[in-house]
């Protein structure tokens, strides 16, 4: 089995990500969290993107305020958004009960045109967004955004579901480092890890040799 999409092995994942986003981004992007994502967003600062026409969404978020160290929104603002002028930022976290915030975000995403670029990562356990192995969230096939939590990961979260991801024009999955290689190989071997279920109009896996090997 192969990874679900086109696989591109590159020397510099953040640089390749910035080039691909500059080519594909027109009106909307959904951002991710994690160290690789942060490096990608720093690289994106200098990319030739017309940010004034871009709406920024989030594919998942810990349900904490943006000034919390665990906030994806806070990270993306520091790494990228404070340095560019976008049309609008649509935070997942709001000072509401988490289920109300999930419904509100679901309605907003559902009413918007398909997102140009959804950026996802890959956890060592094979998760993507906040869709973790064994989670009931994996089976959601109607809602686009849901609240989720489990004992293995800190903080309640909001996350895109697989139907939300599937609406994207392009999904870019960035993977870097040897710690991601085992999850990649498990997907290639046919194991039903969450990231093996990624589908969209186009899916590109962008990674270095440590993560993807020579493929």
N, C-alpha and C. Protein backbone atom coordinates (compact mmCIF):
# COMPACT_ATOMS: atom_id res chain seq x y z
N UNK A 1 0.85 -1.19 0.00
CA UNK A 1 0.00 0.00 0.00
C UNK A 1 0.88 1.24 0.00
N UNK A 2 0.42 2.29 -0.63
CA UNK A 2 1.15 3.55 -0.63
C UNK A 2 0.43 4.57 0.26
N UNK A 3 1.09 5.67 0.50
CA UNK A 3 0.44 6.76 1.22
C UNK A 3 -0.69 7.32 0.36
N UNK A 4 -1.76 7.79 0.99
CA UNK A 4 -2.92 8.25 0.21
C UNK A 4 -2.68 9.62 -0.43
N UNK A 5 -2.08 9.62 -1.61
CA UNK A 5 -1.82 10.87 -2.32
C UNK A 5 -0.48 10.81 -3.03
N UNK A 6 -0.04 11.95 -3.52
CA UNK A 6 1.26 12.07 -4.17
C UNK A 6 2.33 12.25 -3.11
N UNK A 7 3.46 11.59 -3.27
CA UNK A 7 4.55 11.68 -2.30
C UNK A 7 5.71 12.44 -2.92
N UNK A 8 6.18 13.47 -2.22
CA UNK A 8 7.32 14.25 -2.67
C UNK A 8 8.38 14.27 -1.58
N UNK A 9 9.54 13.70 -1.88
CA UNK A 9 10.66 13.71 -0.94
C UNK A 9 11.52 14.93 -1.25
N UNK A 10 11.76 15.76 -0.26
CA UNK A 10 12.48 17.02 -0.46
C UNK A 10 13.58 17.16 0.59
N UNK A 11 14.54 18.02 0.29
CA UNK A 11 15.63 18.25 1.24
C UNK A 11 15.22 19.19 2.37
N UNK A 12 14.34 20.14 2.06
CA UNK A 12 13.95 21.17 3.03
C UNK A 12 12.42 21.26 3.04
N UNK A 13 11.80 20.64 4.02
CA UNK A 13 10.33 20.57 4.05
C UNK A 13 9.69 21.95 4.17
N UNK A 14 10.13 22.82 5.11
CA UNK A 14 9.50 24.14 5.20
C UNK A 14 9.62 24.95 3.90
N UNK A 15 10.78 24.89 3.26
CA UNK A 15 10.97 25.64 2.01
C UNK A 15 10.05 25.10 0.91
N UNK A 16 9.98 23.77 0.80
CA UNK A 16 9.11 23.17 -0.21
C UNK A 16 7.65 23.47 0.07
N UNK A 17 7.28 23.47 1.35
CA UNK A 17 5.91 23.82 1.74
C UNK A 17 5.59 25.25 1.31
N UNK A 18 6.49 26.18 1.58
CA UNK A 18 6.26 27.58 1.24
C UNK A 18 6.08 27.75 -0.27
N UNK A 19 6.89 27.06 -1.05
CA UNK A 19 6.78 27.15 -2.50
C UNK A 19 5.44 26.58 -3.00
N UNK A 20 5.03 25.45 -2.43
CA UNK A 20 3.79 24.83 -2.87
C UNK A 20 2.58 25.67 -2.47
N UNK A 21 2.59 26.21 -1.26
CA UNK A 21 1.48 27.06 -0.82
C UNK A 21 1.40 28.32 -1.68
N UNK A 22 2.54 28.93 -1.99
CA UNK A 22 2.54 30.13 -2.82
C UNK A 22 1.92 29.85 -4.18
N UNK A 23 2.11 28.65 -4.66
CA UNK A 23 1.55 28.27 -5.96
C UNK A 23 0.05 27.98 -5.89
N UNK A 24 -0.41 27.41 -4.79
CA UNK A 24 -1.77 26.88 -4.72
C UNK A 24 -2.75 27.75 -3.93
N UNK A 25 -2.26 28.64 -3.09
CA UNK A 25 -3.15 29.39 -2.20
C UNK A 25 -3.73 30.61 -2.89
N UNK A 26 -5.05 30.69 -2.86
CA UNK A 26 -5.73 31.83 -3.46
C UNK A 26 -6.63 32.54 -2.45
N UNK A 27 -7.49 31.81 -1.78
CA UNK A 27 -8.49 32.47 -0.94
C UNK A 27 -8.57 31.95 0.49
N UNK A 28 -8.06 30.74 0.76
CA UNK A 28 -8.26 30.20 2.11
C UNK A 28 -7.25 29.10 2.41
N UNK A 29 -6.88 29.03 3.70
CA UNK A 29 -5.96 28.00 4.18
C UNK A 29 -6.37 27.60 5.58
N UNK A 30 -6.23 26.32 5.91
CA UNK A 30 -6.44 25.83 7.27
C UNK A 30 -5.09 25.41 7.83
N UNK A 31 -4.73 25.99 8.97
CA UNK A 31 -3.40 25.77 9.55
C UNK A 31 -3.43 24.66 10.58
N UNK A 32 -2.23 24.19 10.90
CA UNK A 32 -2.02 23.04 11.77
C UNK A 32 -1.21 23.46 12.99
N UNK A 33 -0.79 22.47 13.78
CA UNK A 33 0.07 22.72 14.92
C UNK A 33 1.29 21.82 14.87
N UNK A 34 2.21 22.04 15.79
CA UNK A 34 3.40 21.19 15.87
C UNK A 34 4.66 21.89 15.41
N UNK A 35 5.79 21.28 15.70
CA UNK A 35 7.08 21.89 15.41
C UNK A 35 7.33 22.03 13.91
N UNK A 36 7.01 20.99 13.14
CA UNK A 36 7.21 21.08 11.69
C UNK A 36 6.33 22.17 11.10
N UNK A 37 5.09 22.25 11.56
CA UNK A 37 4.18 23.29 11.07
C UNK A 37 4.74 24.67 11.39
N UNK A 38 5.25 24.85 12.58
CA UNK A 38 5.80 26.17 12.94
C UNK A 38 6.94 26.57 12.01
N UNK A 39 7.81 25.62 11.70
CA UNK A 39 8.90 25.90 10.77
C UNK A 39 8.36 26.23 9.39
N UNK A 40 7.31 25.52 8.97
CA UNK A 40 6.69 25.79 7.67
C UNK A 40 6.11 27.19 7.62
N UNK A 41 5.48 27.63 8.71
CA UNK A 41 4.86 28.94 8.70
C UNK A 41 5.89 30.06 8.74
N UNK A 42 7.01 29.82 9.40
CA UNK A 42 8.08 30.82 9.36
C UNK A 42 8.62 30.96 7.94
N UNK A 43 8.74 29.84 7.24
CA UNK A 43 9.22 29.88 5.86
C UNK A 43 8.20 30.59 4.96
N UNK A 44 6.93 30.51 5.32
CA UNK A 44 5.87 31.07 4.50
C UNK A 44 5.81 32.60 4.58
N UNK A 45 6.44 33.17 5.60
CA UNK A 45 6.43 34.63 5.74
C UNK A 45 6.90 35.35 4.48
N UNK A 46 7.93 34.80 3.86
CA UNK A 46 8.56 35.47 2.72
C UNK A 46 8.06 34.95 1.37
N UNK A 47 7.06 34.08 1.39
CA UNK A 47 6.54 33.54 0.13
C UNK A 47 5.69 34.60 -0.58
N UNK A 48 5.65 34.55 -1.91
CA UNK A 48 4.87 35.54 -2.67
C UNK A 48 3.37 35.22 -2.67
N UNK A 49 2.75 35.46 -1.54
CA UNK A 49 1.32 35.22 -1.37
C UNK A 49 0.60 36.57 -1.21
N UNK A 50 -0.51 36.73 -1.87
CA UNK A 50 -1.33 37.93 -1.70
C UNK A 50 -2.27 37.70 -0.50
N UNK A 51 -1.74 37.96 0.68
CA UNK A 51 -2.44 37.60 1.91
C UNK A 51 -3.72 38.38 2.11
N UNK A 52 -3.85 39.53 1.52
CA UNK A 52 -5.01 40.38 1.79
C UNK A 52 -6.32 39.73 1.35
N UNK A 53 -6.25 38.71 0.49
CA UNK A 53 -7.45 38.03 0.04
C UNK A 53 -7.66 36.67 0.67
N UNK A 54 -6.89 36.36 1.72
CA UNK A 54 -6.88 35.00 2.28
C UNK A 54 -7.60 34.94 3.64
N UNK A 55 -8.50 33.97 3.76
CA UNK A 55 -9.12 33.63 5.05
C UNK A 55 -8.33 32.49 5.68
N UNK A 56 -8.04 32.62 6.97
CA UNK A 56 -7.27 31.62 7.69
C UNK A 56 -8.17 30.85 8.66
N UNK A 57 -8.19 29.55 8.50
CA UNK A 57 -8.93 28.64 9.37
C UNK A 57 -7.93 27.75 10.13
N UNK A 58 -8.46 26.91 11.01
CA UNK A 58 -7.64 25.94 11.74
C UNK A 58 -8.23 24.55 11.57
N UNK A 59 -7.35 23.58 11.34
CA UNK A 59 -7.81 22.20 11.19
C UNK A 59 -8.03 21.50 12.51
N UNK A 60 -7.34 21.98 13.55
CA UNK A 60 -7.61 21.49 14.90
C UNK A 60 -7.01 22.46 15.89
N UNK A 61 -7.45 22.35 17.14
CA UNK A 61 -7.00 23.29 18.16
C UNK A 61 -7.25 22.72 19.54
N UNK A 62 -6.28 22.87 20.43
CA UNK A 62 -6.55 22.63 21.84
C UNK A 62 -7.48 23.74 22.32
N UNK A 63 -8.43 23.39 23.15
CA UNK A 63 -9.43 24.38 23.55
C UNK A 63 -8.88 25.24 24.69
N UNK A 64 -7.91 26.07 24.31
CA UNK A 64 -7.25 26.99 25.24
C UNK A 64 -7.14 28.35 24.56
N UNK A 65 -7.05 29.44 25.34
CA UNK A 65 -6.93 30.78 24.74
C UNK A 65 -5.62 30.90 23.95
N UNK A 66 -5.57 31.87 23.01
CA UNK A 66 -4.39 32.00 22.15
C UNK A 66 -3.10 32.35 22.88
N UNK A 67 -3.20 32.88 24.11
CA UNK A 67 -1.97 33.19 24.86
C UNK A 67 -1.47 31.99 25.66
N UNK A 68 -2.16 30.86 25.56
CA UNK A 68 -1.73 29.62 26.23
C UNK A 68 -0.61 28.99 25.42
N UNK A 69 0.42 28.42 26.08
CA UNK A 69 1.54 27.81 25.34
C UNK A 69 1.12 26.69 24.40
N UNK A 70 -0.01 26.04 24.65
CA UNK A 70 -0.44 24.93 23.80
C UNK A 70 -1.32 25.34 22.64
N UNK A 71 -1.59 26.63 22.50
CA UNK A 71 -2.52 27.08 21.46
C UNK A 71 -1.90 27.06 20.07
N UNK A 72 -2.56 26.37 19.13
CA UNK A 72 -2.12 26.44 17.74
C UNK A 72 -2.29 27.84 17.18
N UNK A 73 -3.39 28.49 17.54
CA UNK A 73 -3.60 29.86 17.06
C UNK A 73 -2.46 30.76 17.50
N UNK A 74 -2.10 30.67 18.77
CA UNK A 74 -1.01 31.51 19.27
C UNK A 74 0.29 31.25 18.52
N UNK A 75 0.61 29.97 18.29
CA UNK A 75 1.83 29.63 17.55
C UNK A 75 1.79 30.22 16.14
N UNK A 76 0.65 30.07 15.45
CA UNK A 76 0.59 30.54 14.07
C UNK A 76 0.67 32.06 13.99
N UNK A 77 0.14 32.73 15.00
CA UNK A 77 0.25 34.20 15.01
C UNK A 77 1.71 34.61 15.17
N UNK A 78 2.41 33.98 16.08
CA UNK A 78 3.82 34.33 16.29
C UNK A 78 4.68 33.97 15.09
N UNK A 79 4.41 32.81 14.49
CA UNK A 79 5.26 32.32 13.40
C UNK A 79 4.97 33.01 12.07
N UNK A 80 3.70 33.40 11.84
CA UNK A 80 3.32 33.88 10.52
C UNK A 80 2.36 35.06 10.53
N UNK A 81 1.24 34.90 11.20
CA UNK A 81 0.11 35.82 10.98
C UNK A 81 0.36 37.23 11.48
N UNK A 82 1.22 37.39 12.51
CA UNK A 82 1.55 38.74 12.96
C UNK A 82 2.42 39.48 11.94
N UNK A 83 2.99 38.73 10.99
CA UNK A 83 3.90 39.33 10.02
C UNK A 83 3.24 39.60 8.67
N UNK A 84 2.00 39.15 8.49
CA UNK A 84 1.30 39.35 7.22
C UNK A 84 -0.10 39.89 7.51
N UNK A 85 -0.73 40.44 6.50
CA UNK A 85 -2.06 41.02 6.69
C UNK A 85 -3.09 40.21 5.90
N UNK A 86 -3.75 39.29 6.59
CA UNK A 86 -4.73 38.43 5.94
C UNK A 86 -6.11 39.09 5.93
N UNK A 87 -7.01 38.53 5.12
CA UNK A 87 -8.36 39.07 5.07
C UNK A 87 -9.10 38.84 6.38
N UNK A 88 -8.96 37.62 6.91
CA UNK A 88 -9.64 37.29 8.17
C UNK A 88 -8.98 36.07 8.79
N UNK A 89 -8.97 36.03 10.12
CA UNK A 89 -8.54 34.86 10.88
C UNK A 89 -9.77 34.32 11.61
N UNK A 90 -9.99 33.02 11.50
CA UNK A 90 -11.16 32.39 12.11
C UNK A 90 -10.68 31.42 13.20
N UNK A 91 -10.51 31.90 14.43
CA UNK A 91 -10.03 31.03 15.51
C UNK A 91 -11.04 29.95 15.86
N UNK A 92 -10.54 28.79 16.24
CA UNK A 92 -11.43 27.74 16.73
C UNK A 92 -11.83 28.00 18.18
N UNK A 93 -10.88 28.49 18.97
CA UNK A 93 -11.19 28.74 20.38
C UNK A 93 -12.06 29.98 20.51
N UNK A 94 -13.15 29.84 21.24
CA UNK A 94 -13.99 30.97 21.61
C UNK A 94 -14.44 30.75 23.05
N UNK A 95 -14.74 31.82 23.75
CA UNK A 95 -15.15 31.73 25.15
C UNK A 95 -16.59 31.26 25.24
N UNK A 96 -16.79 30.04 24.77
CA UNK A 96 -18.09 29.37 24.77
C UNK A 96 -17.90 27.96 25.30
N UNK A 97 -18.98 27.27 25.69
CA UNK A 97 -18.85 25.83 25.91
C UNK A 97 -18.31 25.17 24.65
N UNK A 98 -17.47 24.17 24.82
CA UNK A 98 -16.74 23.60 23.68
C UNK A 98 -17.69 23.05 22.61
N UNK A 99 -18.81 22.46 23.01
CA UNK A 99 -19.74 21.93 22.02
C UNK A 99 -20.38 23.05 21.20
N UNK A 100 -20.63 24.18 21.84
CA UNK A 100 -21.17 25.33 21.11
C UNK A 100 -20.13 25.87 20.12
N UNK A 101 -18.87 25.92 20.56
CA UNK A 101 -17.80 26.38 19.68
C UNK A 101 -17.65 25.44 18.49
N UNK A 102 -17.79 24.14 18.73
CA UNK A 102 -17.68 23.17 17.64
C UNK A 102 -18.80 23.35 16.63
N UNK A 103 -20.02 23.52 17.11
CA UNK A 103 -21.15 23.72 16.21
C UNK A 103 -20.99 25.01 15.40
N UNK A 104 -20.55 26.06 16.05
CA UNK A 104 -20.37 27.34 15.37
C UNK A 104 -19.33 27.24 14.27
N UNK A 105 -18.21 26.55 14.56
CA UNK A 105 -17.15 26.42 13.56
C UNK A 105 -17.61 25.52 12.42
N UNK A 106 -18.34 24.47 12.76
CA UNK A 106 -18.89 23.58 11.74
C UNK A 106 -19.77 24.36 10.77
N UNK A 107 -20.65 25.18 11.31
CA UNK A 107 -21.56 25.97 10.47
C UNK A 107 -20.79 26.93 9.57
N UNK A 108 -19.75 27.55 10.12
CA UNK A 108 -18.96 28.50 9.33
C UNK A 108 -18.23 27.81 8.19
N UNK A 109 -17.59 26.68 8.48
CA UNK A 109 -16.85 25.95 7.45
C UNK A 109 -17.81 25.42 6.39
N UNK A 110 -18.95 24.94 6.82
CA UNK A 110 -19.94 24.38 5.91
C UNK A 110 -20.47 25.45 4.95
N UNK A 111 -20.60 26.68 5.43
CA UNK A 111 -21.14 27.77 4.62
C UNK A 111 -20.09 28.38 3.69
N UNK A 112 -18.82 28.13 3.96
CA UNK A 112 -17.74 28.73 3.18
C UNK A 112 -17.43 27.87 1.94
N UNK A 113 -16.81 28.47 0.93
CA UNK A 113 -16.35 27.66 -0.20
C UNK A 113 -15.30 26.65 0.26
N UNK A 114 -15.06 25.59 -0.51
CA UNK A 114 -14.01 24.64 -0.15
C UNK A 114 -12.68 25.35 0.10
N UNK A 115 -11.97 24.92 1.11
CA UNK A 115 -10.70 25.54 1.48
C UNK A 115 -9.63 25.17 0.45
N UNK A 116 -8.87 26.16 0.01
CA UNK A 116 -7.83 25.92 -0.99
C UNK A 116 -6.79 24.91 -0.50
N UNK A 117 -6.23 25.19 0.68
CA UNK A 117 -5.13 24.38 1.22
C UNK A 117 -5.43 24.03 2.67
N UNK A 118 -5.48 22.75 2.97
CA UNK A 118 -5.55 22.28 4.36
C UNK A 118 -4.20 21.65 4.69
N UNK A 119 -3.54 22.20 5.69
CA UNK A 119 -2.22 21.70 6.10
C UNK A 119 -2.41 20.74 7.27
N UNK A 120 -1.87 19.54 7.13
CA UNK A 120 -1.94 18.53 8.17
C UNK A 120 -0.54 18.04 8.52
N UNK A 121 -0.41 17.49 9.71
CA UNK A 121 0.82 16.83 10.10
C UNK A 121 0.55 15.35 10.35
N UNK A 122 1.56 14.67 10.85
CA UNK A 122 1.46 13.25 11.18
C UNK A 122 2.13 13.01 12.51
N UNK A 123 1.37 12.48 13.47
CA UNK A 123 1.95 12.15 14.76
C UNK A 123 2.65 10.80 14.72
N UNK A 124 3.57 10.55 15.64
CA UNK A 124 4.24 9.25 15.69
C UNK A 124 3.27 8.09 15.86
N UNK A 125 2.08 8.36 16.41
CA UNK A 125 1.06 7.32 16.56
C UNK A 125 0.15 7.22 15.34
N UNK A 126 0.43 8.02 14.31
CA UNK A 126 -0.37 7.98 13.09
C UNK A 126 -1.55 8.92 13.07
N UNK A 127 -1.67 9.78 14.10
CA UNK A 127 -2.80 10.70 14.09
C UNK A 127 -2.54 11.86 13.14
N UNK A 128 -3.62 12.50 12.73
CA UNK A 128 -3.53 13.74 11.95
C UNK A 128 -4.66 14.64 12.43
N UNK A 129 -4.46 15.98 12.34
CA UNK A 129 -5.35 16.91 13.03
C UNK A 129 -5.46 16.42 14.48
N UNK A 130 -6.65 16.41 15.07
CA UNK A 130 -6.81 15.77 16.39
C UNK A 130 -7.69 14.53 16.26
N UNK A 131 -7.36 13.75 15.23
CA UNK A 131 -8.03 12.48 14.96
C UNK A 131 -7.07 11.36 15.37
N UNK A 132 -7.28 10.85 16.58
CA UNK A 132 -6.33 9.93 17.20
C UNK A 132 -6.76 8.47 17.05
N UNK A 133 -5.80 7.55 17.07
CA UNK A 133 -6.15 6.13 16.94
C UNK A 133 -7.17 5.72 18.00
N UNK A 134 -8.20 5.01 17.55
CA UNK A 134 -9.21 4.50 18.47
C UNK A 134 -10.28 5.50 18.87
N UNK A 135 -10.19 6.74 18.41
CA UNK A 135 -11.15 7.76 18.81
C UNK A 135 -12.47 7.58 18.08
N UNK A 136 -13.60 7.83 18.77
CA UNK A 136 -14.90 7.83 18.08
C UNK A 136 -14.96 8.88 16.97
N UNK A 137 -14.11 9.90 17.05
CA UNK A 137 -14.09 10.96 16.03
C UNK A 137 -13.77 10.40 14.64
N UNK A 138 -13.07 9.27 14.59
CA UNK A 138 -12.69 8.69 13.30
C UNK A 138 -13.91 8.24 12.50
N UNK A 139 -14.99 7.94 13.20
CA UNK A 139 -16.18 7.41 12.54
C UNK A 139 -17.17 8.50 12.15
N UNK A 140 -16.90 9.76 12.51
CA UNK A 140 -17.83 10.84 12.20
C UNK A 140 -17.89 11.06 10.69
N UNK A 141 -19.07 10.96 10.12
CA UNK A 141 -19.18 11.11 8.67
C UNK A 141 -20.18 12.17 8.23
N UNK A 142 -20.68 12.97 9.20
CA UNK A 142 -21.63 14.02 8.87
C UNK A 142 -21.07 15.40 9.24
N UNK A 143 -20.68 15.55 10.48
CA UNK A 143 -20.21 16.86 10.94
C UNK A 143 -18.81 17.15 10.40
N UNK A 144 -18.52 18.43 10.20
CA UNK A 144 -17.22 18.86 9.70
C UNK A 144 -16.26 19.20 10.83
N UNK A 145 -16.80 19.63 11.96
CA UNK A 145 -15.97 20.01 13.11
C UNK A 145 -16.63 19.44 14.36
N UNK A 146 -15.82 18.80 15.19
CA UNK A 146 -16.35 18.22 16.43
C UNK A 146 -15.39 18.49 17.58
N UNK A 147 -15.92 18.36 18.79
CA UNK A 147 -15.09 18.38 20.00
C UNK A 147 -14.65 16.96 20.30
N UNK A 148 -13.43 16.82 20.78
CA UNK A 148 -12.91 15.49 21.08
C UNK A 148 -11.89 15.57 22.21
N UNK A 149 -11.73 14.50 22.94
CA UNK A 149 -10.69 14.41 23.97
C UNK A 149 -10.48 12.95 24.32
N UNK A 150 -9.29 12.67 24.85
CA UNK A 150 -9.03 11.34 25.38
C UNK A 150 -7.96 11.46 26.46
N UNK A 151 -7.69 10.35 27.13
CA UNK A 151 -6.77 10.37 28.26
C UNK A 151 -5.31 10.51 27.84
N UNK A 152 -5.01 10.18 26.59
CA UNK A 152 -3.61 10.16 26.15
C UNK A 152 -3.10 11.52 25.69
N UNK A 153 -4.00 12.47 25.46
CA UNK A 153 -3.57 13.77 24.92
C UNK A 153 -4.16 14.89 25.76
N UNK A 154 -3.33 15.86 26.14
CA UNK A 154 -3.82 16.92 27.02
C UNK A 154 -4.79 17.86 26.33
N UNK A 155 -5.73 18.33 27.13
CA UNK A 155 -6.71 19.36 26.74
C UNK A 155 -7.81 18.82 25.80
N UNK A 156 -9.03 19.21 26.04
CA UNK A 156 -10.08 19.00 25.06
C UNK A 156 -9.72 19.74 23.78
N UNK A 157 -10.23 19.27 22.65
CA UNK A 157 -9.84 19.83 21.36
C UNK A 157 -11.03 19.98 20.44
N UNK A 158 -10.88 20.85 19.47
CA UNK A 158 -11.75 20.90 18.31
C UNK A 158 -10.95 20.39 17.12
N UNK A 159 -11.60 19.70 16.22
CA UNK A 159 -10.88 19.17 15.06
C UNK A 159 -11.78 19.08 13.84
N UNK A 160 -11.16 19.29 12.68
CA UNK A 160 -11.79 18.90 11.43
C UNK A 160 -11.98 17.39 11.46
N UNK A 161 -13.08 16.93 10.89
CA UNK A 161 -13.30 15.51 10.68
C UNK A 161 -12.80 15.12 9.29
N UNK A 162 -12.84 13.83 8.98
CA UNK A 162 -12.44 13.42 7.64
C UNK A 162 -13.33 14.02 6.55
N UNK A 163 -14.65 14.16 6.77
CA UNK A 163 -15.45 14.85 5.75
C UNK A 163 -15.01 16.30 5.51
N UNK A 164 -14.58 16.98 6.55
CA UNK A 164 -14.09 18.36 6.37
C UNK A 164 -12.80 18.37 5.56
N UNK A 165 -11.90 17.46 5.90
CA UNK A 165 -10.63 17.37 5.17
C UNK A 165 -10.89 17.05 3.70
N UNK A 166 -11.87 16.17 3.46
CA UNK A 166 -12.14 15.73 2.09
C UNK A 166 -12.69 16.84 1.20
N UNK A 167 -13.20 17.92 1.79
CA UNK A 167 -13.72 19.04 1.00
C UNK A 167 -12.61 19.91 0.42
N UNK A 168 -11.41 19.77 0.92
CA UNK A 168 -10.31 20.65 0.52
C UNK A 168 -9.92 20.45 -0.95
N UNK A 169 -9.50 21.53 -1.56
CA UNK A 169 -8.95 21.43 -2.92
C UNK A 169 -7.58 20.75 -2.90
N UNK A 170 -6.79 21.05 -1.86
CA UNK A 170 -5.47 20.45 -1.70
C UNK A 170 -5.18 20.25 -0.23
N UNK A 171 -4.78 19.04 0.14
CA UNK A 171 -4.26 18.76 1.48
C UNK A 171 -2.76 18.55 1.36
N UNK A 172 -2.01 19.27 2.17
CA UNK A 172 -0.55 19.07 2.24
C UNK A 172 -0.24 18.46 3.60
N UNK A 173 0.34 17.26 3.59
CA UNK A 173 0.76 16.59 4.82
C UNK A 173 2.27 16.72 4.92
N UNK A 174 2.76 17.46 5.91
CA UNK A 174 4.21 17.61 6.06
C UNK A 174 4.72 16.64 7.13
N UNK A 175 5.80 15.93 6.78
CA UNK A 175 6.42 14.98 7.70
C UNK A 175 7.93 15.16 7.64
N UNK A 176 8.53 15.33 8.80
CA UNK A 176 9.98 15.53 8.86
C UNK A 176 10.55 14.82 10.08
N UNK A 177 11.68 14.17 9.88
CA UNK A 177 12.37 13.54 11.00
C UNK A 177 12.13 12.05 11.11
N UNK A 178 13.12 11.37 11.66
CA UNK A 178 13.07 9.91 11.75
C UNK A 178 11.97 9.41 12.66
N UNK A 179 11.49 10.26 13.60
CA UNK A 179 10.45 9.81 14.52
C UNK A 179 9.11 9.60 13.82
N UNK A 180 8.98 10.10 12.59
CA UNK A 180 7.74 9.90 11.83
C UNK A 180 7.81 8.68 10.91
N UNK A 181 8.99 8.11 10.78
CA UNK A 181 9.19 7.03 9.79
C UNK A 181 8.36 5.79 10.12
N UNK A 182 8.24 5.44 11.40
CA UNK A 182 7.50 4.24 11.77
C UNK A 182 6.03 4.37 11.37
N UNK A 183 5.42 5.54 11.65
CA UNK A 183 4.01 5.74 11.28
C UNK A 183 3.84 5.69 9.77
N UNK A 184 4.78 6.27 9.04
CA UNK A 184 4.72 6.23 7.57
C UNK A 184 4.77 4.80 7.08
N UNK A 185 5.67 4.01 7.62
CA UNK A 185 5.83 2.63 7.17
C UNK A 185 4.62 1.78 7.56
N UNK A 186 4.01 2.08 8.70
CA UNK A 186 2.81 1.34 9.11
C UNK A 186 1.65 1.62 8.15
N UNK A 187 1.54 2.87 7.70
CA UNK A 187 0.50 3.19 6.71
C UNK A 187 0.80 2.48 5.40
N UNK A 188 2.06 2.51 4.98
CA UNK A 188 2.44 1.82 3.75
C UNK A 188 2.17 0.31 3.83
N UNK A 189 2.26 -0.22 5.04
CA UNK A 189 2.02 -1.65 5.23
C UNK A 189 0.54 -1.99 5.27
N UNK A 190 -0.32 -0.97 5.21
CA UNK A 190 -1.75 -1.22 5.16
C UNK A 190 -2.47 -1.08 6.48
N UNK A 191 -1.77 -0.61 7.52
CA UNK A 191 -2.42 -0.45 8.82
C UNK A 191 -3.39 0.73 8.76
N UNK A 192 -4.53 0.58 9.41
CA UNK A 192 -5.57 1.60 9.36
C UNK A 192 -5.35 2.68 10.42
N UNK A 193 -4.23 3.39 10.29
CA UNK A 193 -3.97 4.54 11.15
C UNK A 193 -4.82 5.71 10.66
N UNK A 194 -5.11 6.67 11.55
CA UNK A 194 -5.95 7.80 11.12
C UNK A 194 -5.46 8.48 9.85
N UNK A 195 -4.16 8.74 9.73
CA UNK A 195 -3.65 9.46 8.57
C UNK A 195 -3.79 8.67 7.27
N UNK A 196 -3.99 7.37 7.37
CA UNK A 196 -4.22 6.56 6.17
C UNK A 196 -5.57 6.87 5.53
N UNK A 197 -6.45 7.55 6.28
CA UNK A 197 -7.79 7.85 5.79
C UNK A 197 -7.90 9.23 5.14
N UNK A 198 -6.81 9.96 5.05
CA UNK A 198 -6.85 11.30 4.46
C UNK A 198 -7.26 11.20 2.99
N UNK A 199 -8.29 11.94 2.64
CA UNK A 199 -8.75 12.02 1.25
C UNK A 199 -9.10 13.47 0.95
N UNK A 200 -8.93 13.90 -0.27
CA UNK A 200 -9.32 15.24 -0.71
C UNK A 200 -9.22 15.26 -2.22
N UNK A 201 -9.57 16.40 -2.82
CA UNK A 201 -9.44 16.54 -4.27
C UNK A 201 -8.01 16.22 -4.70
N UNK A 202 -7.02 16.75 -3.96
CA UNK A 202 -5.62 16.40 -4.14
C UNK A 202 -4.96 16.29 -2.78
N UNK A 203 -4.08 15.33 -2.62
CA UNK A 203 -3.32 15.15 -1.38
C UNK A 203 -1.85 15.04 -1.75
N UNK A 204 -1.01 15.84 -1.11
CA UNK A 204 0.44 15.78 -1.32
C UNK A 204 1.11 15.53 0.02
N UNK A 205 1.89 14.45 0.09
CA UNK A 205 2.74 14.18 1.25
C UNK A 205 4.11 14.79 0.96
N UNK A 206 4.51 15.73 1.79
CA UNK A 206 5.76 16.47 1.58
C UNK A 206 6.67 16.15 2.77
N UNK A 207 7.76 15.44 2.50
CA UNK A 207 8.60 15.05 3.62
C UNK A 207 10.06 14.88 3.24
N UNK A 208 10.88 14.74 4.27
CA UNK A 208 12.31 14.52 4.05
C UNK A 208 12.61 13.03 4.01
N UNK A 209 13.84 12.71 3.69
CA UNK A 209 14.23 11.29 3.55
C UNK A 209 14.17 10.56 4.88
N UNK A 210 14.41 11.26 5.99
CA UNK A 210 14.34 10.61 7.29
C UNK A 210 12.94 10.09 7.57
N UNK A 211 11.93 10.81 7.12
CA UNK A 211 10.54 10.42 7.36
C UNK A 211 10.00 9.50 6.29
N UNK A 212 10.31 9.82 5.03
CA UNK A 212 9.69 9.11 3.90
C UNK A 212 10.60 8.12 3.21
N UNK A 213 11.88 8.11 3.56
CA UNK A 213 12.81 7.24 2.86
C UNK A 213 13.07 7.73 1.44
N UNK A 214 13.37 6.82 0.54
CA UNK A 214 13.70 7.20 -0.83
C UNK A 214 12.51 7.23 -1.76
N UNK A 215 11.29 7.09 -1.20
CA UNK A 215 10.07 6.99 -2.05
C UNK A 215 9.76 8.35 -2.66
